Amino acid sequence: ATGSDMNIDCNFDDTARLVIINKWNSESYYCYDSIRGITSSNDPFLYWNNYDGDYTGTDYINPYSTGFRVNSSANTTINVTGHYYQYLALA
């Protein structure tokens, strides 16, 4: 990760409809889906380590024409400079 906005090109025909992001060697899983909304504003997500329901008030990811964009605002969670992440994205 770079801490800056990053376009993740998944080679889709449209934006991703499901995105799960995990920090390498961590139990932190962030789940975004098109039902809750992957939009250009604050996106509700599920934090799979907790069962507290939807988390809101963050803008960590945005739609991207062929995948998704990880925002620089996620630089303390899913876009920390120098850390590695794995993701699963479905269209």
PDB file of N, CA and C in Angstrom:
ATOM      1  N   ALA A   1       0.834  -1.185   0.000  1.00  0.00           N
ATOM      2  CA  ALA A   1       0.000   0.000   0.000  1.00  0.00           C
ATOM      3  C   ALA A   1       0.878   1.247   0.000  1.00  0.00           C
ATOM      4  N   THR A   2       0.294   2.326  -0.460  1.00  0.00           N
ATOM      5  CA  THR A   2       1.060   3.556  -0.603  1.00  0.00           C
ATOM      6  C   THR A   2       0.587   4.686   0.296  1.00  0.00           C
ATOM      7  N   GLY A   3      -0.609   4.570   0.867  1.00  0.00           N
ATOM      8  CA  GLY A   3      -1.173   5.667   1.637  1.00  0.00           C
ATOM      9  C   GLY A   3      -1.833   6.707   0.756  1.00  0.00           C
ATOM     10  N   SER A   4      -1.680   6.594  -0.557  1.00  0.00           N
ATOM     11  CA  SER A   4      -2.300   7.505  -1.528  1.00  0.00           C
ATOM     12  C   SER A   4      -3.466   6.798  -2.201  1.00  0.00           C
ATOM     13  N   ASP A   5      -4.298   7.572  -2.924  1.00  0.00           N
ATOM     14  CA  ASP A   5      -5.375   6.949  -3.693  1.00  0.00           C
ATOM     15  C   ASP A   5      -4.785   5.911  -4.645  1.00  0.00           C
ATOM     16  N   MET A   6      -5.406   4.727  -4.680  1.00  0.00           N
ATOM     17  CA  MET A   6      -4.941   3.657  -5.555  1.00  0.00           C
ATOM     18  C   MET A   6      -6.113   3.068  -6.313  1.00  0.00           C
ATOM     19  N   ASN A   7      -6.043   3.078  -7.653  1.00  0.00           N
ATOM     20  CA  ASN A   7      -7.037   2.410  -8.473  1.00  0.00           C
ATOM     21  C   ASN A   7      -6.659   0.945  -8.590  1.00  0.00           C
ATOM     22  N   ILE A   8      -7.556   0.065  -8.185  1.00  0.00           N
ATOM     23  CA  ILE A   8      -7.328  -1.370  -8.276  1.00  0.00           C
ATOM     24  C   ILE A   8      -8.085  -1.867  -9.503  1.00  0.00           C
ATOM     25  N   ASP A   9      -7.343  -2.140 -10.558  1.00  0.00           N
ATOM     26  CA  ASP A   9      -7.929  -2.584 -11.820  1.00  0.00           C
ATOM     27  C   ASP A   9      -8.096  -4.098 -11.782  1.00  0.00           C
ATOM     28  N   CYS A  10      -9.337  -4.551 -11.699  1.00  0.00           N
ATOM     29  CA  CYS A  10      -9.650  -5.979 -11.643  1.00  0.00           C
ATOM     30  C   CYS A  10     -10.011  -6.529 -13.014  1.00  0.00           C
ATOM     31  N   ASN A  11      -9.961  -5.663 -14.033  1.00  0.00           N
ATOM     32  CA  ASN A  11     -10.293  -6.048 -15.403  1.00  0.00           C
ATOM     33  C   ASN A  11     -11.772  -6.407 -15.554  1.00  0.00           C
ATOM     34  N   PHE A  12     -12.619  -5.758 -14.750  1.00  0.00           N
ATOM     35  CA  PHE A  12     -14.062  -5.958 -14.846  1.00  0.00           C
ATOM     36  C   PHE A  12     -14.630  -5.055 -15.931  1.00  0.00           C
ATOM     37  N   ASP A  13     -15.862  -5.338 -16.356  1.00  0.00           N
ATOM     38  CA  ASP A  13     -16.565  -4.460 -17.294  1.00  0.00           C
ATOM     39  C   ASP A  13     -17.212  -3.285 -16.570  1.00  0.00           C
ATOM     40  N   ASP A  14     -17.274  -3.345 -15.254  1.00  0.00           N
ATOM     41  CA  ASP A  14     -17.896  -2.305 -14.437  1.00  0.00           C
ATOM     42  C   ASP A  14     -17.215  -2.327 -13.072  1.00  0.00           C
ATOM     43  N   THR A  15     -17.680  -1.488 -12.177  1.00  0.00           N
ATOM     44  CA  THR A  15     -17.100  -1.425 -10.839  1.00  0.00           C
ATOM     45  C   THR A  15     -17.375  -2.709 -10.055  1.00  0.00           C
ATOM     46  N   ALA A  16     -16.571  -2.985  -9.057  1.00  0.00           N
ATOM     47  CA  ALA A  16     -16.738  -4.174  -8.227  1.00  0.00           C
ATOM     48  C   ALA A  16     -18.046  -4.106  -7.438  1.00  0.00           C
ATOM     49  N   ARG A  17     -18.676  -5.262  -7.232  1.00  0.00           N
ATOM     50  CA  ARG A  17     -19.921  -5.338  -6.471  1.00  0.00           C
ATOM     51  C   ARG A  17     -19.699  -5.919  -5.080  1.00  0.00           C
ATOM     52  N   LEU A  18     -18.567  -6.590  -4.887  1.00  0.00           N
ATOM     53  CA  LEU A  18     -18.182  -7.130  -3.588  1.00  0.00           C
ATOM     54  C   LEU A  18     -16.674  -7.003  -3.461  1.00  0.00           C
ATOM     55  N   VAL A  19     -16.216  -6.415  -2.346  1.00  0.00           N
ATOM     56  CA  VAL A  19     -14.787  -6.261  -2.096  1.00  0.00           C
ATOM     57  C   VAL A  19     -14.518  -6.652  -0.646  1.00  0.00           C
ATOM     58  N   ILE A  20     -13.584  -7.578  -0.457  1.00  0.00           N
ATOM     59  CA  ILE A  20     -13.140  -7.960   0.874  1.00  0.00           C
ATOM     60  C   ILE A  20     -11.641  -7.685   0.929  1.00  0.00           C
ATOM     61  N   ILE A  21     -11.215  -6.910   1.919  1.00  0.00           N
ATOM     62  CA  ILE A  21      -9.811  -6.529   2.042  1.00  0.00           C
ATOM     63  C   ILE A  21      -9.295  -6.994   3.396  1.00  0.00           C
ATOM     64  N   ASN A  22      -8.102  -7.600   3.368  1.00  0.00           N
ATOM     65  CA  ASN A  22      -7.465  -8.105   4.576  1.00  0.00           C
ATOM     66  C   ASN A  22      -6.020  -7.648   4.605  1.00  0.00           C
ATOM     67  N   LYS A  23      -5.603  -7.101   5.744  1.00  0.00           N
ATOM     68  CA  LYS A  23      -4.201  -6.747   5.928  1.00  0.00           C
ATOM     69  C   LYS A  23      -3.416  -8.038   6.145  1.00  0.00           C
ATOM     70  N   TRP A  24      -2.324  -8.207   5.404  1.00  0.00           N
ATOM     71  CA  TRP A  24      -1.515  -9.420   5.471  1.00  0.00           C
ATOM     72  C   TRP A  24      -1.114  -9.695   6.916  1.00  0.00           C
ATOM     73  N   ASN A  25      -1.252 -10.955   7.356  1.00  0.00           N
ATOM     74  CA  ASN A  25      -0.929 -11.388   8.720  1.00  0.00           C
ATOM     75  C   ASN A  25      -1.766 -10.685   9.774  1.00  0.00           C
ATOM     76  N   SER A  26      -3.011 -10.428   9.454  1.00  0.00           N
ATOM     77  CA  SER A  26      -3.912  -9.763  10.383  1.00  0.00           C
ATOM     78  C   SER A  26      -5.265 -10.456  10.336  1.00  0.00           C
ATOM     79  N   GLU A  27      -6.031 -10.289  11.378  1.00  0.00           N
ATOM     80  CA  GLU A  27      -7.385 -10.833  11.405  1.00  0.00           C
ATOM     81  C   GLU A  27      -8.423  -9.782  11.040  1.00  0.00           C
ATOM     82  N   SER A  28      -7.998  -8.672  10.472  1.00  0.00           N
ATOM     83  CA  SER A  28      -8.906  -7.589  10.115  1.00  0.00           C
ATOM     84  C   SER A  28      -9.430  -7.785   8.698  1.00  0.00           C
ATOM     85  N   TYR A  29     -10.733  -7.948   8.576  1.00  0.00           N
ATOM     86  CA  TYR A  29     -11.383  -8.104   7.278  1.00  0.00           C
ATOM     87  C   TYR A  29     -12.438  -7.019   7.113  1.00  0.00           C
ATOM     88  N   TYR A  30     -12.349  -6.271   6.020  1.00  0.00           N
ATOM     89  CA  TYR A  30     -13.309  -5.229   5.692  1.00  0.00           C
ATOM     90  C   TYR A  30     -14.101  -5.702   4.480  1.00  0.00           C
ATOM     91  N   CYS A  31     -15.428  -5.709   4.591  1.00  0.00           N
ATOM     92  CA  CYS A  31     -16.285  -6.219   3.531  1.00  0.00           C
ATOM     93  C   CYS A  31     -17.209  -5.118   3.026  1.00  0.00           C
ATOM     94  N   TYR A  32     -17.102  -4.812   1.739  1.00  0.00           N
ATOM     95  CA  TYR A  32     -17.953  -3.815   1.070  1.00  0.00           C
ATOM     96  C   TYR A  32     -18.770  -4.534   0.013  1.00  0.00           C
ATOM     97  N   ASP A  33     -20.032  -4.117  -0.145  1.00  0.00           N
ATOM     98  CA  ASP A  33     -20.847  -4.717  -1.192  1.00  0.00           C
ATOM     99  C   ASP A  33     -21.784  -3.672  -1.779  1.00  0.00           C
ATOM    100  N   SER A  34     -22.327  -3.995  -2.942  1.00  0.00           N
ATOM    101  CA  SER A  34     -23.181  -3.035  -3.649  1.00  0.00           C
ATOM    102  C   SER A  34     -24.560  -2.909  -2.997  1.00  0.00           C
ATOM    103  N   ILE A  35     -24.937  -3.833  -2.122  1.00  0.00           N
ATOM    104  CA  ILE A  35     -26.211  -3.698  -1.407  1.00  0.00           C
ATOM    105  C   ILE A  35     -26.122  -2.540  -0.416  1.00  0.00           C
ATOM    106  N   ARG A  36     -25.048  -2.491   0.356  1.00  0.00           N
ATOM    107  CA  ARG A  36     -24.833  -1.382   1.292  1.00  0.00           C
ATOM    108  C   ARG A  36     -24.414  -0.134   0.526  1.00  0.00           C
ATOM    109  N   GLY A  37     -23.726  -0.339  -0.585  1.00  0.00           N
ATOM    110  CA  GLY A  37     -23.328   0.769  -1.439  1.00  0.00           C
ATOM    111  C   GLY A  37     -21.826   0.933  -1.518  1.00  0.00           C
ATOM    112  N   ILE A  38     -21.302   0.843  -2.704  1.00  0.00           N
ATOM    113  CA  ILE A  38     -19.918   1.234  -2.969  1.00  0.00           C
ATOM    114  C   ILE A  38     -20.053   2.508  -3.796  1.00  0.00           C
ATOM    115  N   THR A  39     -19.933   3.636  -3.122  1.00  0.00           N
ATOM    116  CA  THR A  39     -20.205   4.934  -3.745  1.00  0.00           C
ATOM    117  C   THR A  39     -19.014   5.862  -3.562  1.00  0.00           C
ATOM    118  N   SER A  40     -19.136   7.070  -4.083  1.00  0.00           N
ATOM    119  CA  SER A  40     -18.080   8.075  -3.956  1.00  0.00           C
ATOM    120  C   SER A  40     -18.193   8.856  -2.658  1.00  0.00           C
ATOM    121  N   SER A  41     -18.993   8.381  -1.735  1.00  0.00           N
ATOM    122  CA  SER A  41     -19.097   9.032  -0.428  1.00  0.00           C
ATOM    123  C   SER A  41     -18.877   7.960   0.639  1.00  0.00           C
ATOM    124  N   ASN A  42     -19.272   8.234   1.858  1.00  0.00           N
ATOM    125  CA  ASN A  42     -19.065   7.277   2.940  1.00  0.00           C
ATOM    126  C   ASN A  42     -19.784   5.969   2.647  1.00  0.00           C
ATOM    127  N   ASP A  43     -19.046   4.868   2.728  1.00  0.00           N
ATOM    128  CA  ASP A  43     -19.574   3.552   2.395  1.00  0.00           C
ATOM    129  C   ASP A  43     -19.737   2.702   3.652  1.00  0.00           C
ATOM    130  N   PRO A  44     -20.949   2.235   3.942  1.00  0.00           N
ATOM    131  CA  PRO A  44     -21.093   1.288   5.043  1.00  0.00           C
ATOM    132  C   PRO A  44     -20.345  -0.001   4.716  1.00  0.00           C
ATOM    133  N   PHE A  45     -19.764  -0.620   5.718  1.00  0.00           N
ATOM    134  CA  PHE A  45     -19.053  -1.877   5.507  1.00  0.00           C
ATOM    135  C   PHE A  45     -19.218  -2.763   6.727  1.00  0.00           C
ATOM    136  N   LEU A  46     -18.933  -4.032   6.532  1.00  0.00           N
ATOM    137  CA  LEU A  46     -18.908  -4.984   7.633  1.00  0.00           C
ATOM    138  C   LEU A  46     -17.461  -5.208   8.032  1.00  0.00           C
ATOM    139  N   TYR A  47     -17.203  -5.158   9.314  1.00  0.00           N
ATOM    140  CA  TYR A  47     -15.893  -5.450   9.853  1.00  0.00           C
ATOM    141  C   TYR A  47     -16.013  -6.836  10.451  1.00  0.00           C
ATOM    142  N   TRP A  48     -15.502  -7.834   9.752  1.00  0.00           N
ATOM    143  CA  TRP A  48     -15.788  -9.221  10.100  1.00  0.00           C
ATOM    144  C   TRP A  48     -15.211  -9.650  11.439  1.00  0.00           C
ATOM    145  N   ASN A  49     -14.388  -8.839  12.059  1.00  0.00           N
ATOM    146  CA  ASN A  49     -13.854  -9.182  13.375  1.00  0.00           C
ATOM    147  C   ASN A  49     -14.856  -8.868  14.477  1.00  0.00           C
ATOM    148  N   ASN A  50     -15.847  -8.055  14.173  1.00  0.00           N
ATOM    149  CA  ASN A  50     -16.891  -7.686  15.122  1.00  0.00           C
ATOM    150  C   ASN A  50     -18.244  -8.056  14.546  1.00  0.00           C
ATOM    151  N   TYR A  51     -19.204  -8.189  15.392  1.00  0.00           N
ATOM    152  CA  TYR A  51     -20.560  -8.507  14.949  1.00  0.00           C
ATOM    153  C   TYR A  51     -21.498  -7.370  15.324  1.00  0.00           C
ATOM    154  N   ASP A  52     -21.011  -6.149  15.186  1.00  0.00           N
ATOM    155  CA  ASP A  52     -21.768  -4.967  15.586  1.00  0.00           C
ATOM    156  C   ASP A  52     -22.657  -4.413  14.481  1.00  0.00           C
ATOM    157  N   GLY A  53     -22.749  -5.080  13.351  1.00  0.00           N
ATOM    158  CA  GLY A  53     -23.537  -4.562  12.237  1.00  0.00           C
ATOM    159  C   GLY A  53     -22.692  -3.674  11.346  1.00  0.00           C
ATOM    160  N   ASP A  54     -23.358  -2.828  10.580  1.00  0.00           N
ATOM    161  CA  ASP A  54     -22.679  -1.953   9.623  1.00  0.00           C
ATOM    162  C   ASP A  54     -21.860  -0.875  10.335  1.00  0.00           C
ATOM    163  N   TYR A  55     -20.677  -0.629   9.789  1.00  0.00           N
ATOM    164  CA  TYR A  55     -19.877   0.514  10.205  1.00  0.00           C
ATOM    165  C   TYR A  55     -20.082   1.596   9.154  1.00  0.00           C
ATOM    166  N   THR A  56     -20.210   2.830   9.570  1.00  0.00           N
ATOM    167  CA  THR A  56     -20.451   3.927   8.631  1.00  0.00           C
ATOM    168  C   THR A  56     -19.544   5.105   8.967  1.00  0.00           C
ATOM    169  N   GLY A  57     -19.611   6.107   8.128  1.00  0.00           N
ATOM    170  CA  GLY A  57     -18.881   7.342   8.381  1.00  0.00           C
ATOM    171  C   GLY A  57     -17.462   7.332   7.844  1.00  0.00           C
ATOM    172  N   THR A  58     -17.140   6.395   6.971  1.00  0.00           N
ATOM    173  CA  THR A  58     -15.807   6.351   6.387  1.00  0.00           C
ATOM    174  C   THR A  58     -15.904   6.344   4.871  1.00  0.00           C
ATOM    175  N   ASP A  59     -14.873   6.804   4.240  1.00  0.00           N
ATOM    176  CA  ASP A  59     -14.810   6.779   2.778  1.00  0.00           C
ATOM    177  C   ASP A  59     -13.505   6.115   2.371  1.00  0.00           C
ATOM    178  N   TYR A  60     -13.399   4.804   2.665  1.00  0.00           N
ATOM    179  CA  TYR A  60     -12.171   4.072   2.403  1.00  0.00           C
ATOM    180  C   TYR A  60     -12.069   3.581   0.964  1.00  0.00           C
ATOM    181  N   ILE A  61     -13.205   3.239   0.333  1.00  0.00           N
ATOM    182  CA  ILE A  61     -13.151   2.811  -1.061  1.00  0.00           C
ATOM    183  C   ILE A  61     -14.194   3.567  -1.875  1.00  0.00           C
ATOM    184  N   ASN A  62     -13.963   3.622  -3.171  1.00  0.00           N
ATOM    185  CA  ASN A  62     -14.875   4.258  -4.126  1.00  0.00           C
ATOM    186  C   ASN A  62     -14.995   3.356  -5.343  1.00  0.00           C
ATOM    187  N   PRO A  63     -16.038   3.579  -6.153  1.00  0.00           N
ATOM    188  CA  PRO A  63     -16.123   2.823  -7.403  1.00  0.00           C
ATOM    189  C   PRO A  63     -14.996   3.228  -8.351  1.00  0.00           C
ATOM    190  N   TYR A  64     -14.621   2.318  -9.194  1.00  0.00           N
ATOM    191  CA  TYR A  64     -13.645   2.557 -10.254  1.00  0.00           C
ATOM    192  C   TYR A  64     -14.141   1.779 -11.462  1.00  0.00           C
ATOM    193  N   SER A  65     -13.954   2.301 -12.640  1.00  0.00           N
ATOM    194  CA  SER A  65     -14.593   1.758 -13.842  1.00  0.00           C
ATOM    195  C   SER A  65     -14.329   0.280 -14.081  1.00  0.00           C
ATOM    196  N   THR A  66     -13.198  -0.248 -13.649  1.00  0.00           N
ATOM    197  CA  THR A  66     -12.883  -1.656 -13.881  1.00  0.00           C
ATOM    198  C   THR A  66     -12.522  -2.403 -12.591  1.00  0.00           C
ATOM    199  N   GLY A  67     -12.924  -1.854 -11.448  1.00  0.00           N
ATOM    200  CA  GLY A  67     -12.611  -2.483 -10.164  1.00  0.00           C
ATOM    201  C   GLY A  67     -13.065  -1.615  -9.013  1.00  0.00           C
ATOM    202  N   PHE A  68     -12.106  -1.125  -8.220  1.00  0.00           N
ATOM    203  CA  PHE A  68     -12.424  -0.234  -7.105  1.00  0.00           C
ATOM    204  C   PHE A  68     -11.211   0.631  -6.789  1.00  0.00           C
ATOM    205  N   ARG A  69     -11.432   1.707  -6.050  1.00  0.00           N
ATOM    206  CA  ARG A  69     -10.368   2.627  -5.657  1.00  0.00           C
ATOM    207  C   ARG A  69     -10.250   2.612  -4.137  1.00  0.00           C
ATOM    208  N   VAL A  70      -9.038   2.451  -3.639  1.00  0.00           N
ATOM    209  CA  VAL A  70      -8.764   2.589  -2.211  1.00  0.00           C
ATOM    210  C   VAL A  70      -8.298   4.023  -1.993  1.00  0.00           C
ATOM    211  N   ASN A  71      -8.965   4.721  -1.098  1.00  0.00           N
ATOM    212  CA  ASN A  71      -8.689   6.138  -0.881  1.00  0.00           C
ATOM    213  C   ASN A  71      -7.543   6.369   0.092  1.00  0.00           C
ATOM    214  N   SER A  72      -6.935   7.533  -0.018  1.00  0.00           N
ATOM    215  CA  SER A  72      -5.870   7.907   0.913  1.00  0.00           C
ATOM    216  C   SER A  72      -6.409   8.066   2.327  1.00  0.00           C
ATOM    217  N   SER A  73      -7.726   8.292   2.472  1.00  0.00           N
ATOM    218  CA  SER A  73      -8.319   8.423   3.811  1.00  0.00           C
ATOM    219  C   SER A  73      -8.243   7.111   4.582  1.00  0.00           C
ATOM    220  N   ALA A  74      -7.932   6.014   3.902  1.00  0.00           N
ATOM    221  CA  ALA A  74      -7.809   4.704   4.531  1.00  0.00           C
ATOM    222  C   ALA A  74      -6.380   4.446   4.991  1.00  0.00           C
ATOM    223  N   ASN A  75      -5.587   5.504   5.136  1.00  0.00           N
ATOM    224  CA  ASN A  75      -4.164   5.326   5.431  1.00  0.00           C
ATOM    225  C   ASN A  75      -3.880   4.831   6.844  1.00  0.00           C
ATOM    226  N   THR A  76      -4.907   4.610   7.652  1.00  0.00           N
ATOM    227  CA  THR A  76      -4.700   4.025   8.980  1.00  0.00           C
ATOM    228  C   THR A  76      -5.337   2.650   9.094  1.00  0.00           C
ATOM    229  N   THR A  77      -5.962   2.166   8.007  1.00  0.00           N
ATOM    230  CA  THR A  77      -6.688   0.891   8.074  1.00  0.00           C
ATOM    231  C   THR A  77      -6.320  -0.041   6.923  1.00  0.00           C
ATOM    232  N   ILE A  78      -6.779   0.263   5.723  1.00  0.00           N
ATOM    233  CA  ILE A  78      -6.593  -0.646   4.587  1.00  0.00           C
ATOM    234  C   ILE A  78      -5.680  -0.069   3.508  1.00  0.00           C
ATOM    235  N   ASN A  79      -4.925   0.961   3.855  1.00  0.00           N
ATOM    236  CA  ASN A  79      -4.000   1.563   2.887  1.00  0.00           C
ATOM    237  C   ASN A  79      -2.810   2.171   3.638  1.00  0.00           C
ATOM    238  N   VAL A  80      -2.248   1.424   4.556  1.00  0.00           N
ATOM    239  CA  VAL A  80      -1.129   1.908   5.363  1.00  0.00           C
ATOM    240  C   VAL A  80       0.169   1.746   4.571  1.00  0.00           C
ATOM    241  N   THR A  81       0.923   2.804   4.446  1.00  0.00           N
ATOM    242  CA  THR A  81       2.166   2.795   3.689  1.00  0.00           C
ATOM    243  C   THR A  81       3.085   1.685   4.191  1.00  0.00           C
ATOM    244  N   GLY A  82       3.600   0.889   3.251  1.00  0.00           N
ATOM    245  CA  GLY A  82       4.562  -0.150   3.576  1.00  0.00           C
ATOM    246  C   GLY A  82       3.961  -1.470   4.026  1.00  0.00           C
ATOM    247  N   HIS A  83       2.646  -1.568   4.136  1.00  0.00           N
ATOM    248  CA  HIS A  83       2.001  -2.819   4.523  1.00  0.00           C
ATOM    249  C   HIS A  83       1.451  -3.517   3.288  1.00  0.00           C
ATOM    250  N   TYR A  84       1.221  -4.810   3.410  1.00  0.00           N
ATOM    251  CA  TYR A  84       0.694  -5.607   2.309  1.00  0.00           C
ATOM    252  C   TYR A  84      -0.728  -6.037   2.614  1.00  0.00           C
ATOM    253  N   TYR A  85      -1.538  -6.102   1.561  1.00  0.00           N
ATOM    254  CA  TYR A  85      -2.953  -6.455   1.692  1.00  0.00           C
ATOM    255  C   TYR A  85      -3.323  -7.476   0.640  1.00  0.00           C
ATOM    256  N   GLN A  86      -4.306  -8.276   0.965  1.00  0.00           N
ATOM    257  CA  GLN A  86      -4.901  -9.163  -0.031  1.00  0.00           C
ATOM    258  C   GLN A  86      -6.374  -8.793  -0.153  1.00  0.00           C
ATOM    259  N   TYR A  87      -6.907  -8.997  -1.317  1.00  0.00           N
ATOM    260  CA  TYR A  87      -8.314  -8.656  -1.518  1.00  0.00           C
ATOM    261  C   TYR A  87      -8.987  -9.693  -2.405  1.00  0.00           C
ATOM    262  N   LEU A  88     -10.284  -9.734  -2.269  1.00  0.00           N
ATOM    263  CA  LEU A  88     -11.140 -10.507  -3.153  1.00  0.00           C
ATOM    264  C   LEU A  88     -12.168  -9.525  -3.682  1.00  0.00           C
ATOM    265  N   ALA A  89     -12.280  -9.427  -4.985  1.00  0.00           N
ATOM    266  CA  ALA A  89     -13.250  -8.526  -5.603  1.00  0.00           C
ATOM    267  C   ALA A  89     -14.056  -9.306  -6.628  1.00  0.00           C
ATOM    268  N   LEU A  90     -15.376  -9.113  -6.620  1.00  0.00           N
ATOM    269  CA  LEU A  90     -16.263  -9.742  -7.575  1.00  0.00           C
ATOM    270  C   LEU A  90     -17.090  -8.675  -8.270  1.00  0.00           C
ATOM    271  N   ALA A  91     -17.383  -8.902  -9.540  1.00  0.00           N
ATOM    272  CA  ALA A  91     -18.186  -7.951 -10.311  1.00  0.00           C
ATOM    273  C   ALA A  91     -19.629  -8.365 -10.316  1.00  0.00           C
TER     274      ALA A  91
END
